[in-house]
Amino acid sequence: MKIQLLTERIPVGISQCALGDPVRYNGGHKHSKVCTELLSQCLELRPFCPEVAIGLGVPRPPIHLIVSDRLRAVGRDDPRMDVTEALENYADRVVPQVAELRGFILMQKSPSCGVRSVPHYKEDGSGALAHGAGLFAARLREHFPHLPIEEVGRLNASDIRENFLTRVFAYDAWYRYVAPDPRPARVTEFYTAYKYLLLAHHQPLTRELGRLLSDTSGYKPQQLAVEVRGRMMEILSHPANRRDRTNALMHSQGHLNEYLTKEERAELTRLIEDYYRGRKPLSAVLTMLRHYLPRSPHQFIHSQVLLAAEPAELGLCDFR
């Protein structure tokens, strides 16, 4: 698998209020500069507002989620206003549009769009029983269980932002490389290219996936492709930590050692150690590894996505 840097922005859905459009229930917005000024450099942001789309208007009576026979979206001031089916039907209608996306950024705490922090109230509205997803977000996840999804507010944190971008890039690469030709050999080649990046996110799950791919006889090609995609996206959803990244970097160095002088090996080892100790940035290690990469004739190390441009190197993780 040949690594190719993107030349076009990747389509990603976003809650419309995050773009600065006044579509919230109170006529306001929740403009996110991180999204519009930073992530828009590499993402084509496509707006969605479920509540406006089902005809609630702006401004509109606020809704909230209650737990009765099922989770329902009803008017906060008038419980007789029930828009549960309307929101879920809207999510069903936009499936063809969302199928073209490679990620989704949703507004936190919204009863339609929130991903994890939406209060689920008792039926009498007296108190929250739990916190979870809004109706549109939940339905979206049912249709697209592997789609990278994140909340707007969480993207202010550089590590969460980088993780989201990593998942979006991987999901997009899957659709460009594997989806048109999901043969087992193609799936395995894709996993192989991502192996060290996956190890940087979760070593046990990566090794488990490797064992699955060592014997694919029990899977039909499309079934295998979906299973591997799901497992890869699950692995990448775990934040990469310094320890696991260091392990992946040392594996990468191992493929280059025989082509380095004694002094070069020692210098690279010190640099990786400095990264592990927090004294040097990841980009410094990746730059040196790529500097030595042409010396190796082995395709495996040349194909590693870990050594390609990281979101941090694209200037997308140090927003001011």
C-alpha atoms as a PDB file:
ATOM      1  CA  MET A   1       0.000   0.000   0.000  1.00  0.00           C
ATOM      2  CA  LYS A   2       1.502   3.315  -1.069  1.00  0.00           C
ATOM      3  CA  ILE A   3       0.943   6.233   1.295  1.00  0.00           C
ATOM      4  CA  GLN A   4      -0.432   9.297  -0.459  1.00  0.00           C
ATOM      5  CA  LEU A   5      -1.044  12.630   1.238  1.00  0.00           C
ATOM      6  CA  LEU A   6      -4.471  14.128   0.638  1.00  0.00           C
ATOM      7  CA  THR A   7      -4.927  16.892  -1.898  1.00  0.00           C
ATOM      8  CA  GLU A   8      -8.610  17.562  -1.189  1.00  0.00           C
ATOM      9  CA  ARG A   9     -10.480  18.274   2.018  1.00  0.00           C
ATOM     10  CA  ILE A  10     -12.353  15.352   3.586  1.00  0.00           C
ATOM     11  CA  PRO A  11     -16.160  15.722   3.912  1.00  0.00           C
ATOM     12  CA  VAL A  12     -17.309  15.761   7.538  1.00  0.00           C
ATOM     13  CA  GLY A  13     -20.749  16.583   8.928  1.00  0.00           C
ATOM     14  CA  ILE A  14     -21.159  19.233  11.618  1.00  0.00           C
ATOM     15  CA  SER A  15     -23.944  20.703  13.739  1.00  0.00           C
ATOM     16  CA  GLN A  16     -24.878  23.882  11.892  1.00  0.00           C
ATOM     17  CA  CYS A  17     -24.812  26.092  15.014  1.00  0.00           C
ATOM     18  CA  ALA A  18     -21.076  25.338  15.363  1.00  0.00           C
ATOM     19  CA  LEU A  19     -20.474  27.176  12.085  1.00  0.00           C
ATOM     20  CA  GLY A  20     -21.921  30.353  13.596  1.00  0.00           C
ATOM     21  CA  ASP A  21     -25.379  30.074  12.038  1.00  0.00           C
ATOM     22  CA  PRO A  22     -28.159  31.301  14.384  1.00  0.00           C
ATOM     23  CA  VAL A  23     -30.208  28.095  14.375  1.00  0.00           C
ATOM     24  CA  ARG A  24     -30.380  27.251  18.082  1.00  0.00           C
ATOM     25  CA  TYR A  25     -33.683  27.139  19.936  1.00  0.00           C
ATOM     26  CA  ASN A  26     -33.080  30.651  21.319  1.00  0.00           C
ATOM     27  CA  GLY A  27     -32.015  32.138  17.986  1.00  0.00           C
ATOM     28  CA  GLY A  28     -28.345  32.008  18.899  1.00  0.00           C
ATOM     29  CA  HIS A  29     -25.366  29.949  17.759  1.00  0.00           C
ATOM     30  CA  LYS A  30     -22.368  28.092  19.190  1.00  0.00           C
ATOM     31  CA  HIS A  31     -19.645  29.187  16.780  1.00  0.00           C
ATOM     32  CA  SER A  32     -16.499  27.084  17.084  1.00  0.00           C
ATOM     33  CA  LYS A  33     -13.357  28.776  15.784  1.00  0.00           C
ATOM     34  CA  VAL A  34     -11.502  25.480  16.194  1.00  0.00           C
ATOM     35  CA  CYS A  35     -13.838  24.009  13.579  1.00  0.00           C
ATOM     36  CA  THR A  36     -14.198  26.948  11.178  1.00  0.00           C
ATOM     37  CA  GLU A  37     -10.643  28.319  11.313  1.00  0.00           C
ATOM     38  CA  LEU A  38      -8.575  25.236  12.044  1.00  0.00           C
ATOM     39  CA  LEU A  39     -10.215  21.955  11.093  1.00  0.00           C
ATOM     40  CA  SER A  40     -11.660  23.495   7.939  1.00  0.00           C
ATOM     41  CA  GLN A  41      -8.083  23.523   6.595  1.00  0.00           C
ATOM     42  CA  CYS A  42      -8.366  19.800   5.926  1.00  0.00           C
ATOM     43  CA  LEU A  43     -12.085  19.074   6.413  1.00  0.00           C
ATOM     44  CA  GLU A  44     -15.000  20.088   4.194  1.00  0.00           C
ATOM     45  CA  LEU A  45     -17.620  20.892   6.838  1.00  0.00           C
ATOM     46  CA  ARG A  46     -21.186  20.052   5.774  1.00  0.00           C
ATOM     47  CA  PRO A  47     -23.882  21.483   8.096  1.00  0.00           C
ATOM     48  CA  PHE A  48     -26.861  19.652   9.589  1.00  0.00           C
ATOM     49  CA  CYS A  49     -29.508  20.940  12.020  1.00  0.00           C
ATOM     50  CA  PRO A  50     -32.032  18.204  12.795  1.00  0.00           C
ATOM     51  CA  GLU A  51     -34.395  20.416  14.791  1.00  0.00           C
ATOM     52  CA  VAL A  52     -34.705  23.032  12.064  1.00  0.00           C
ATOM     53  CA  ALA A  53     -34.925  20.306   9.425  1.00  0.00           C
ATOM     54  CA  ILE A  54     -38.041  18.803  11.065  1.00  0.00           C
ATOM     55  CA  GLY A  55     -39.748  22.193  11.050  1.00  0.00           C
ATOM     56  CA  LEU A  56     -39.331  23.429  14.629  1.00  0.00           C
ATOM     57  CA  GLY A  57     -38.186  26.851  13.432  1.00  0.00           C
ATOM     58  CA  VAL A  58     -35.983  29.552  14.999  1.00  0.00           C
ATOM     59  CA  PRO A  59     -36.561  30.505  17.751  1.00  0.00           C
ATOM     60  CA  ARG A  60     -38.509  27.489  18.997  1.00  0.00           C
ATOM     61  CA  PRO A  61     -39.773  25.915  22.198  1.00  0.00           C
ATOM     62  CA  PRO A  62     -36.895  23.954  23.778  1.00  0.00           C
ATOM     63  CA  ILE A  63     -37.059  20.178  23.904  1.00  0.00           C
ATOM     64  CA  HIS A  64     -35.485  17.666  26.268  1.00  0.00           C
ATOM     65  CA  LEU A  65     -35.235  13.896  26.537  1.00  0.00           C
ATOM     66  CA  ILE A  66     -37.387  11.859  28.897  1.00  0.00           C
ATOM     67  CA  VAL A  67     -37.310   8.159  29.722  1.00  0.00           C
ATOM     68  CA  SER A  68     -40.764   6.591  29.451  1.00  0.00           C
ATOM     69  CA  ASP A  69     -41.567   3.473  27.415  1.00  0.00           C
ATOM     70  CA  ARG A  70     -38.497   4.539  25.418  1.00  0.00           C
ATOM     71  CA  LEU A  71     -36.289   7.603  25.138  1.00  0.00           C
ATOM     72  CA  ARG A  72     -38.457  10.443  23.814  1.00  0.00           C
ATOM     73  CA  ALA A  73     -37.868  14.062  22.775  1.00  0.00           C
ATOM     74  CA  VAL A  74     -40.657  16.275  24.059  1.00  0.00           C
ATOM     75  CA  GLY A  75     -41.214  19.952  24.735  1.00  0.00           C
ATOM     76  CA  ARG A  76     -39.570  21.092  27.938  1.00  0.00           C
ATOM     77  CA  ASP A  77     -42.504  23.398  28.706  1.00  0.00           C
ATOM     78  CA  ASP A  78     -45.182  21.407  26.873  1.00  0.00           C
ATOM     79  CA  PRO A  79     -44.677  17.612  27.091  1.00  0.00           C
ATOM     80  CA  ARG A  80     -47.509  17.128  24.592  1.00  0.00           C
ATOM     81  CA  MET A  81     -45.095  18.266  21.857  1.00  0.00           C
ATOM     82  CA  ASP A  82     -43.387  14.980  20.939  1.00  0.00           C
ATOM     83  CA  VAL A  83     -40.785  15.089  18.128  1.00  0.00           C
ATOM     84  CA  THR A  84     -39.207  11.687  18.760  1.00  0.00           C
ATOM     85  CA  GLU A  85     -40.258  10.072  15.500  1.00  0.00           C
ATOM     86  CA  ALA A  86     -39.598  13.233  13.505  1.00  0.00           C
ATOM     87  CA  LEU A  87     -35.950  13.358  14.656  1.00  0.00           C
ATOM     88  CA  GLU A  88     -35.403   9.648  14.070  1.00  0.00           C
ATOM     89  CA  ASN A  89     -37.072   9.783  10.649  1.00  0.00           C
ATOM     90  CA  TYR A  90     -34.853  12.708   9.703  1.00  0.00           C
ATOM     91  CA  ALA A  91     -31.774  10.682  10.653  1.00  0.00           C
ATOM     92  CA  ASP A  92     -33.073   7.882   8.425  1.00  0.00           C
ATOM     93  CA  ARG A  93     -33.670  10.274   5.513  1.00  0.00           C
ATOM     94  CA  VAL A  94     -30.152  11.696   5.528  1.00  0.00           C
ATOM     95  CA  VAL A  95     -28.449   8.290   5.436  1.00  0.00           C
ATOM     96  CA  PRO A  96     -27.402   8.762   1.763  1.00  0.00           C
ATOM     97  CA  GLN A  97     -25.823  12.125   2.632  1.00  0.00           C
ATOM     98  CA  VAL A  98     -24.056  10.811   5.717  1.00  0.00           C
ATOM     99  CA  ALA A  99     -22.747   7.832   3.728  1.00  0.00           C
ATOM    100  CA  GLU A 100     -20.589  10.350   1.828  1.00  0.00           C
ATOM    101  CA  LEU A 101     -19.051  11.677   5.059  1.00  0.00           C
ATOM    102  CA  ARG A 102     -15.937  10.468   6.839  1.00  0.00           C
ATOM    103  CA  GLY A 103     -16.765  11.879  10.265  1.00  0.00           C
ATOM    104  CA  PHE A 104     -19.290  13.954  12.190  1.00  0.00           C
ATOM    105  CA  ILE A 105     -18.878  16.813  14.689  1.00  0.00           C
ATOM    106  CA  LEU A 106     -21.926  17.239  16.912  1.00  0.00           C
ATOM    107  CA  MET A 107     -23.001  19.833  19.485  1.00  0.00           C
ATOM    108  CA  GLN A 108     -22.622  18.672  23.066  1.00  0.00           C
ATOM    109  CA  LYS A 109     -25.635  18.582  25.414  1.00  0.00           C
ATOM    110  CA  SER A 110     -28.096  19.023  22.531  1.00  0.00           C
ATOM    111  CA  PRO A 111     -31.151  16.719  22.898  1.00  0.00           C
ATOM    112  CA  SER A 112     -30.827  15.949  19.204  1.00  0.00           C
ATOM    113  CA  CYS A 113     -27.065  16.122  18.544  1.00  0.00           C
ATOM    114  CA  GLY A 114     -25.255  15.464  21.832  1.00  0.00           C
ATOM    115  CA  VAL A 115     -23.043  12.390  21.813  1.00  0.00           C
ATOM    116  CA  ARG A 116     -22.465  11.565  25.483  1.00  0.00           C
ATOM    117  CA  SER A 117     -23.521  14.397  27.785  1.00  0.00           C
ATOM    118  CA  VAL A 118     -27.275  14.833  27.193  1.00  0.00           C
ATOM    119  CA  PRO A 119     -29.455  14.525  30.329  1.00  0.00           C
ATOM    120  CA  HIS A 120     -32.097  11.797  30.139  1.00  0.00           C
ATOM    121  CA  TYR A 121     -34.815  12.983  32.513  1.00  0.00           C
ATOM    122  CA  LYS A 122     -37.458  11.132  34.484  1.00  0.00           C
ATOM    123  CA  GLU A 123     -40.827  11.140  32.774  1.00  0.00           C
ATOM    124  CA  ASP A 124     -42.089  13.869  35.088  1.00  0.00           C
ATOM    125  CA  GLY A 125     -39.000  15.955  34.287  1.00  0.00           C
ATOM    126  CA  SER A 126     -37.970  16.106  37.937  1.00  0.00           C
ATOM    127  CA  GLY A 127     -34.390  14.936  37.547  1.00  0.00           C
ATOM    128  CA  ALA A 128     -31.875  13.244  35.251  1.00  0.00           C
ATOM    129  CA  LEU A 129     -31.699   9.455  35.377  1.00  0.00           C
ATOM    130  CA  ALA A 130     -28.602   9.296  33.202  1.00  0.00           C
ATOM    131  CA  HIS A 131     -26.581  11.107  30.543  1.00  0.00           C
ATOM    132  CA  GLY A 132     -26.113   9.818  27.013  1.00  0.00           C
ATOM    133  CA  ALA A 133     -26.669  10.578  23.345  1.00  0.00           C
ATOM    134  CA  GLY A 134     -29.297  12.766  21.721  1.00  0.00           C
ATOM    135  CA  LEU A 135     -31.848  11.149  19.403  1.00  0.00           C
ATOM    136  CA  PHE A 136     -30.257  12.183  16.096  1.00  0.00           C
ATOM    137  CA  ALA A 137     -26.766  11.219  17.285  1.00  0.00           C
ATOM    138  CA  ALA A 138     -27.963   7.845  18.561  1.00  0.00           C
ATOM    139  CA  ARG A 139     -29.751   7.045  15.305  1.00  0.00           C
ATOM    140  CA  LEU A 140     -26.678   8.151  13.368  1.00  0.00           C
ATOM    141  CA  ARG A 141     -24.563   5.684  15.334  1.00  0.00           C
ATOM    142  CA  GLU A 142     -27.028   2.886  14.578  1.00  0.00           C
ATOM    143  CA  HIS A 143     -26.683   3.487  10.843  1.00  0.00           C
ATOM    144  CA  PHE A 144     -22.914   4.129  10.888  1.00  0.00           C
ATOM    145  CA  PRO A 145     -21.360   2.346  13.887  1.00  0.00           C
ATOM    146  CA  HIS A 146     -17.770   2.926  12.724  1.00  0.00           C
ATOM    147  CA  LEU A 147     -18.109   6.591  11.689  1.00  0.00           C
ATOM    148  CA  PRO A 148     -15.745   8.863  13.685  1.00  0.00           C
ATOM    149  CA  ILE A 149     -17.943  11.136  15.808  1.00  0.00           C
ATOM    150  CA  GLU A 150     -16.885  13.800  18.285  1.00  0.00           C
ATOM    151  CA  GLU A 151     -18.474  16.675  20.199  1.00  0.00           C
ATOM    152  CA  VAL A 152     -17.657  20.272  19.285  1.00  0.00           C
ATOM    153  CA  GLY A 153     -16.504  21.326  22.741  1.00  0.00           C
ATOM    154  CA  ARG A 154     -14.141  18.388  23.217  1.00  0.00           C
ATOM    155  CA  LEU A 155     -12.250  19.374  20.069  1.00  0.00           C
ATOM    156  CA  ASN A 156     -10.782  22.342  21.958  1.00  0.00           C
ATOM    157  CA  ALA A 157      -8.396  19.822  23.540  1.00  0.00           C
ATOM    158  CA  SER A 158      -5.451  19.158  21.216  1.00  0.00           C
ATOM    159  CA  ASP A 159      -5.124  15.452  22.064  1.00  0.00           C
ATOM    160  CA  ILE A 160      -8.838  14.787  21.410  1.00  0.00           C
ATOM    161  CA  ARG A 161      -8.658  16.839  18.225  1.00  0.00           C
ATOM    162  CA  GLU A 162      -5.665  14.873  16.973  1.00  0.00           C
ATOM    163  CA  ASN A 163      -7.353  11.577  17.800  1.00  0.00           C
ATOM    164  CA  PHE A 164     -10.490  12.598  15.906  1.00  0.00           C
ATOM    165  CA  LEU A 165      -8.452  13.622  12.866  1.00  0.00           C
ATOM    166  CA  THR A 166      -6.494  10.369  12.964  1.00  0.00           C
ATOM    167  CA  ARG A 167      -9.767   8.412  12.894  1.00  0.00           C
ATOM    168  CA  VAL A 168     -11.208  10.564  10.103  1.00  0.00           C
ATOM    169  CA  PHE A 169      -8.060  10.117   7.987  1.00  0.00           C
ATOM    170  CA  ALA A 170      -8.140   6.343   8.536  1.00  0.00           C
ATOM    171  CA  TYR A 171     -11.861   6.058   7.776  1.00  0.00           C
ATOM    172  CA  ASP A 172     -11.374   8.075   4.592  1.00  0.00           C
ATOM    173  CA  ALA A 173      -8.359   5.982   3.556  1.00  0.00           C
ATOM    174  CA  TRP A 174     -10.423   2.819   4.042  1.00  0.00           C
ATOM    175  CA  TYR A 175     -13.084   4.035   1.648  1.00  0.00           C
ATOM    176  CA  ARG A 176     -10.514   5.109  -0.909  1.00  0.00           C
ATOM    177  CA  TYR A 177      -8.394   1.964  -0.761  1.00  0.00           C
ATOM    178  CA  VAL A 178     -10.402  -0.997   0.559  1.00  0.00           C
ATOM    179  CA  ALA A 179     -14.092  -0.297  -0.082  1.00  0.00           C
ATOM    180  CA  PRO A 180     -13.802  -0.488  -3.912  1.00  0.00           C
ATOM    181  CA  ASP A 181     -12.013  -3.856  -3.675  1.00  0.00           C
ATOM    182  CA  PRO A 182     -12.557  -5.595  -0.296  1.00  0.00           C
ATOM    183  CA  ARG A 183     -10.589  -8.762  -0.998  1.00  0.00           C
ATOM    184  CA  PRO A 184      -8.933 -10.328   2.099  1.00  0.00           C
ATOM    185  CA  ALA A 185      -5.483  -9.605   0.678  1.00  0.00           C
ATOM    186  CA  ARG A 186      -6.422  -5.938   0.290  1.00  0.00           C
ATOM    187  CA  VAL A 187      -7.814  -5.787   3.838  1.00  0.00           C
ATOM    188  CA  THR A 188      -4.648  -7.373   5.224  1.00  0.00           C
ATOM    189  CA  GLU A 189      -2.464  -4.952   3.302  1.00  0.00           C
ATOM    190  CA  PHE A 190      -4.412  -2.027   4.752  1.00  0.00           C
ATOM    191  CA  TYR A 191      -4.054  -3.384   8.292  1.00  0.00           C
ATOM    192  CA  THR A 192      -0.353  -3.952   7.724  1.00  0.00           C
ATOM    193  CA  ALA A 193       0.165  -0.321   6.700  1.00  0.00           C
ATOM    194  CA  TYR A 194      -1.599   0.817   9.880  1.00  0.00           C
ATOM    195  CA  LYS A 195      -0.006  -1.756  12.193  1.00  0.00           C
ATOM    196  CA  TYR A 196       2.461   0.501  14.027  1.00  0.00           C
ATOM    197  CA  LEU A 197      -0.047   3.348  14.295  1.00  0.00           C
ATOM    198  CA  LEU A 198      -2.547   0.885  15.766  1.00  0.00           C
ATOM    199  CA  LEU A 199       0.097  -0.372  18.226  1.00  0.00           C
ATOM    200  CA  ALA A 200       0.577   3.225  19.354  1.00  0.00           C
ATOM    201  CA  HIS A 201      -3.118   3.328  20.305  1.00  0.00           C
ATOM    202  CA  HIS A 202      -3.751  -0.106  21.860  1.00  0.00           C
ATOM    203  CA  GLN A 203      -1.244  -2.965  21.773  1.00  0.00           C
ATOM    204  CA  PRO A 204      -3.441  -5.891  22.956  1.00  0.00           C
ATOM    205  CA  LEU A 205      -6.326  -5.115  20.574  1.00  0.00           C
ATOM    206  CA  THR A 206      -3.882  -4.681  17.668  1.00  0.00           C
ATOM    207  CA  ARG A 207      -2.301  -8.061  18.319  1.00  0.00           C
ATOM    208  CA  GLU A 208      -5.755  -9.619  18.595  1.00  0.00           C
ATOM    209  CA  LEU A 209      -6.663  -8.179  15.198  1.00  0.00           C
ATOM    210  CA  GLY A 210      -3.415  -9.529  13.770  1.00  0.00           C
ATOM    211  CA  ARG A 211      -4.342 -13.017  14.971  1.00  0.00           C
ATOM    212  CA  LEU A 212      -7.754 -12.705  13.326  1.00  0.00           C
ATOM    213  CA  LEU A 213      -6.127 -11.794  10.012  1.00  0.00           C
ATOM    214  CA  SER A 214      -3.735 -14.730  10.227  1.00  0.00           C
ATOM    215  CA  ASP A 215      -6.693 -17.043   9.577  1.00  0.00           C
ATOM    216  CA  THR A 216      -9.620 -15.522   7.666  1.00  0.00           C
ATOM    217  CA  SER A 217     -11.097 -18.802   6.454  1.00  0.00           C
ATOM    218  CA  GLY A 218     -14.261 -18.359   8.508  1.00  0.00           C
ATOM    219  CA  TYR A 219     -15.182 -15.033   6.904  1.00  0.00           C
ATOM    220  CA  LYS A 220     -16.716 -14.015   3.616  1.00  0.00           C
ATOM    221  CA  PRO A 221     -14.771 -11.112   2.016  1.00  0.00           C
ATOM    222  CA  GLN A 222     -17.300  -8.360   2.762  1.00  0.00           C
ATOM    223  CA  GLN A 223     -17.895  -9.693   6.266  1.00  0.00           C
ATOM    224  CA  LEU A 224     -14.158  -9.683   6.956  1.00  0.00           C
ATOM    225  CA  ALA A 225     -13.784  -6.152   5.612  1.00  0.00           C
ATOM    226  CA  VAL A 226     -16.517  -4.783   7.888  1.00  0.00           C
ATOM    227  CA  GLU A 227     -15.148  -6.650  10.914  1.00  0.00           C
ATOM    228  CA  VAL A 228     -11.610  -5.349  10.389  1.00  0.00           C
ATOM    229  CA  ARG A 229     -12.788  -1.794   9.744  1.00  0.00           C
ATOM    230  CA  GLY A 230     -14.783  -1.849  12.968  1.00  0.00           C
ATOM    231  CA  ARG A 231     -11.884  -3.193  15.008  1.00  0.00           C
ATOM    232  CA  MET A 232      -9.439  -0.694  13.532  1.00  0.00           C
ATOM    233  CA  MET A 233     -11.736   2.226  14.312  1.00  0.00           C
ATOM    234  CA  GLU A 234     -12.202   0.903  17.846  1.00  0.00           C
ATOM    235  CA  ILE A 235      -8.440   0.705  18.350  1.00  0.00           C
ATOM    236  CA  LEU A 236      -7.900   4.222  17.034  1.00  0.00           C
ATOM    237  CA  SER A 237     -10.613   5.554  19.346  1.00  0.00           C
ATOM    238  CA  HIS A 238      -8.253   4.827  22.259  1.00  0.00           C
ATOM    239  CA  PRO A 239      -5.942   7.818  22.760  1.00  0.00           C
ATOM    240  CA  ALA A 240      -2.331   7.077  21.884  1.00  0.00           C
ATOM    241  CA  ASN A 241      -0.111   7.418  24.946  1.00  0.00           C
ATOM    242  CA  ARG A 242       3.597   8.113  25.186  1.00  0.00           C
ATOM    243  CA  ARG A 243       4.454   4.567  26.292  1.00  0.00           C
ATOM    244  CA  ASP A 244       2.678   2.842  23.395  1.00  0.00           C
ATOM    245  CA  ARG A 245       3.936   5.389  20.884  1.00  0.00           C
ATOM    246  CA  THR A 246       7.463   4.805  22.111  1.00  0.00           C
ATOM    247  CA  ASN A 247       7.004   1.069  21.589  1.00  0.00           C
ATOM    248  CA  ALA A 248       5.836   1.672  18.012  1.00  0.00           C
ATOM    249  CA  LEU A 249       8.739   4.038  17.334  1.00  0.00           C
ATOM    250  CA  MET A 250      11.225   1.463  18.636  1.00  0.00           C
ATOM    251  CA  HIS A 251       9.686  -1.162  16.346  1.00  0.00           C
ATOM    252  CA  SER A 252      10.162   1.268  13.457  1.00  0.00           C
ATOM    253  CA  GLN A 253      13.789   1.853  14.415  1.00  0.00           C
ATOM    254  CA  GLY A 254      14.339  -1.886  14.476  1.00  0.00           C
ATOM    255  CA  HIS A 255      13.688  -2.050  10.725  1.00  0.00           C
ATOM    256  CA  LEU A 256      16.351   0.600  10.091  1.00  0.00           C
ATOM    257  CA  ASN A 257      19.137  -0.330  12.504  1.00  0.00           C
ATOM    258  CA  GLU A 258      21.143  -2.482  10.082  1.00  0.00           C
ATOM    259  CA  TYR A 259      21.316   0.467   7.671  1.00  0.00           C
ATOM    260  CA  LEU A 260      22.560   2.934  10.288  1.00  0.00           C
ATOM    261  CA  THR A 261      26.014   3.555  11.671  1.00  0.00           C
ATOM    262  CA  LYS A 262      26.676   2.915  15.345  1.00  0.00           C
ATOM    263  CA  GLU A 263      26.571   6.656  16.005  1.00  0.00           C
ATOM    264  CA  GLU A 264      23.277   7.080  14.098  1.00  0.00           C
ATOM    265  CA  ARG A 265      21.645   4.225  16.008  1.00  0.00           C
ATOM    266  CA  ALA A 266      22.709   5.752  19.306  1.00  0.00           C
ATOM    267  CA  GLU A 267      21.440   9.187  18.322  1.00  0.00           C
ATOM    268  CA  LEU A 268      18.056   7.803  17.248  1.00  0.00           C
ATOM    269  CA  THR A 269      17.786   5.739  20.431  1.00  0.00           C
ATOM    270  CA  ARG A 270      18.496   8.835  22.539  1.00  0.00           C
ATOM    271  CA  LEU A 271      15.889  10.827  20.626  1.00  0.00           C
ATOM    272  CA  ILE A 272      13.211   8.168  21.183  1.00  0.00           C
ATOM    273  CA  GLU A 273      14.172   8.046  24.872  1.00  0.00           C
ATOM    274  CA  ASP A 274      13.883  11.841  25.053  1.00  0.00           C
ATOM    275  CA  TYR A 275      10.414  11.625  23.524  1.00  0.00           C
ATOM    276  CA  TYR A 276       9.417   9.003  26.099  1.00  0.00           C
ATOM    277  CA  ARG A 277      10.681  11.253  28.901  1.00  0.00           C
ATOM    278  CA  GLY A 278       8.720  14.196  27.490  1.00  0.00           C
ATOM    279  CA  ARG A 279      11.811  16.150  26.506  1.00  0.00           C
ATOM    280  CA  LYS A 280      11.321  16.018  22.718  1.00  0.00           C
ATOM    281  CA  PRO A 281       8.174  16.193  20.540  1.00  0.00           C
ATOM    282  CA  LEU A 282       6.909  13.282  18.472  1.00  0.00           C
ATOM    283  CA  SER A 283       7.569  15.236  15.281  1.00  0.00           C
ATOM    284  CA  ALA A 284      11.320  15.262  16.025  1.00  0.00           C
ATOM    285  CA  VAL A 285      11.446  11.457  16.139  1.00  0.00           C
ATOM    286  CA  LEU A 286       9.280  11.058  13.038  1.00  0.00           C
ATOM    287  CA  THR A 287      11.457  13.515  11.117  1.00  0.00           C
ATOM    288  CA  MET A 288      14.609  11.556  11.912  1.00  0.00           C
ATOM    289  CA  LEU A 289      13.000   8.197  11.122  1.00  0.00           C
ATOM    290  CA  ARG A 290      11.857   9.529   7.755  1.00  0.00           C
ATOM    291  CA  HIS A 291      15.337  10.904   7.130  1.00  0.00           C
ATOM    292  CA  TYR A 292      16.756   7.380   7.396  1.00  0.00           C
ATOM    293  CA  LEU A 293      13.826   5.652   5.700  1.00  0.00           C
ATOM    294  CA  PRO A 294      15.232   5.711   2.120  1.00  0.00           C
ATOM    295  CA  ARG A 295      18.127   3.506   3.232  1.00  0.00           C
ATOM    296  CA  SER A 296      15.835   0.528   3.842  1.00  0.00           C
ATOM    297  CA  PRO A 297      14.788  -1.585   0.857  1.00  0.00           C
ATOM    298  CA  HIS A 298      11.896  -3.173   2.768  1.00  0.00           C
ATOM    299  CA  GLN A 299       8.390  -2.190   1.692  1.00  0.00           C
ATOM    300  CA  PHE A 300       6.877  -2.903   5.104  1.00  0.00           C
ATOM    301  CA  ILE A 301       8.508   0.043   6.849  1.00  0.00           C
ATOM    302  CA  HIS A 302       7.957   2.346   3.864  1.00  0.00           C
ATOM    303  CA  SER A 303       4.222   1.636   4.014  1.00  0.00           C
ATOM    304  CA  GLN A 304       3.758   2.500   7.699  1.00  0.00           C
ATOM    305  CA  VAL A 305       1.177   5.246   8.178  1.00  0.00           C
ATOM    306  CA  LEU A 306       2.782   6.003  11.556  1.00  0.00           C
ATOM    307  CA  LEU A 307       5.683   7.560   9.651  1.00  0.00           C
ATOM    308  CA  ALA A 308       3.481   9.622   7.339  1.00  0.00           C
ATOM    309  CA  ALA A 309       2.338  13.165   8.127  1.00  0.00           C
ATOM    310  CA  GLU A 310       0.595  13.285  11.497  1.00  0.00           C
ATOM    311  CA  PRO A 311      -2.194  15.774  12.246  1.00  0.00           C
ATOM    312  CA  ALA A 312       0.197  17.595  14.564  1.00  0.00           C
ATOM    313  CA  GLU A 313       2.604  18.125  11.679  1.00  0.00           C
ATOM    314  CA  LEU A 314      -0.175  19.627   9.591  1.00  0.00           C
ATOM    315  CA  GLY A 315      -0.408  22.413  12.148  1.00  0.00           C
ATOM    316  CA  LEU A 316      -3.770  21.239  13.423  1.00  0.00           C
ATOM    317  CA  CYS A 317      -2.987  20.538  17.042  1.00  0.00           C
ATOM    318  CA  ASP A 318      -1.592  23.789  18.400  1.00  0.00           C
ATOM    319  CA  PHE A 319      -4.444  26.252  17.921  1.00  0.00           C
ATOM    320  CA  ARG A 320      -4.313  29.685  19.567  1.00  0.00           C
END
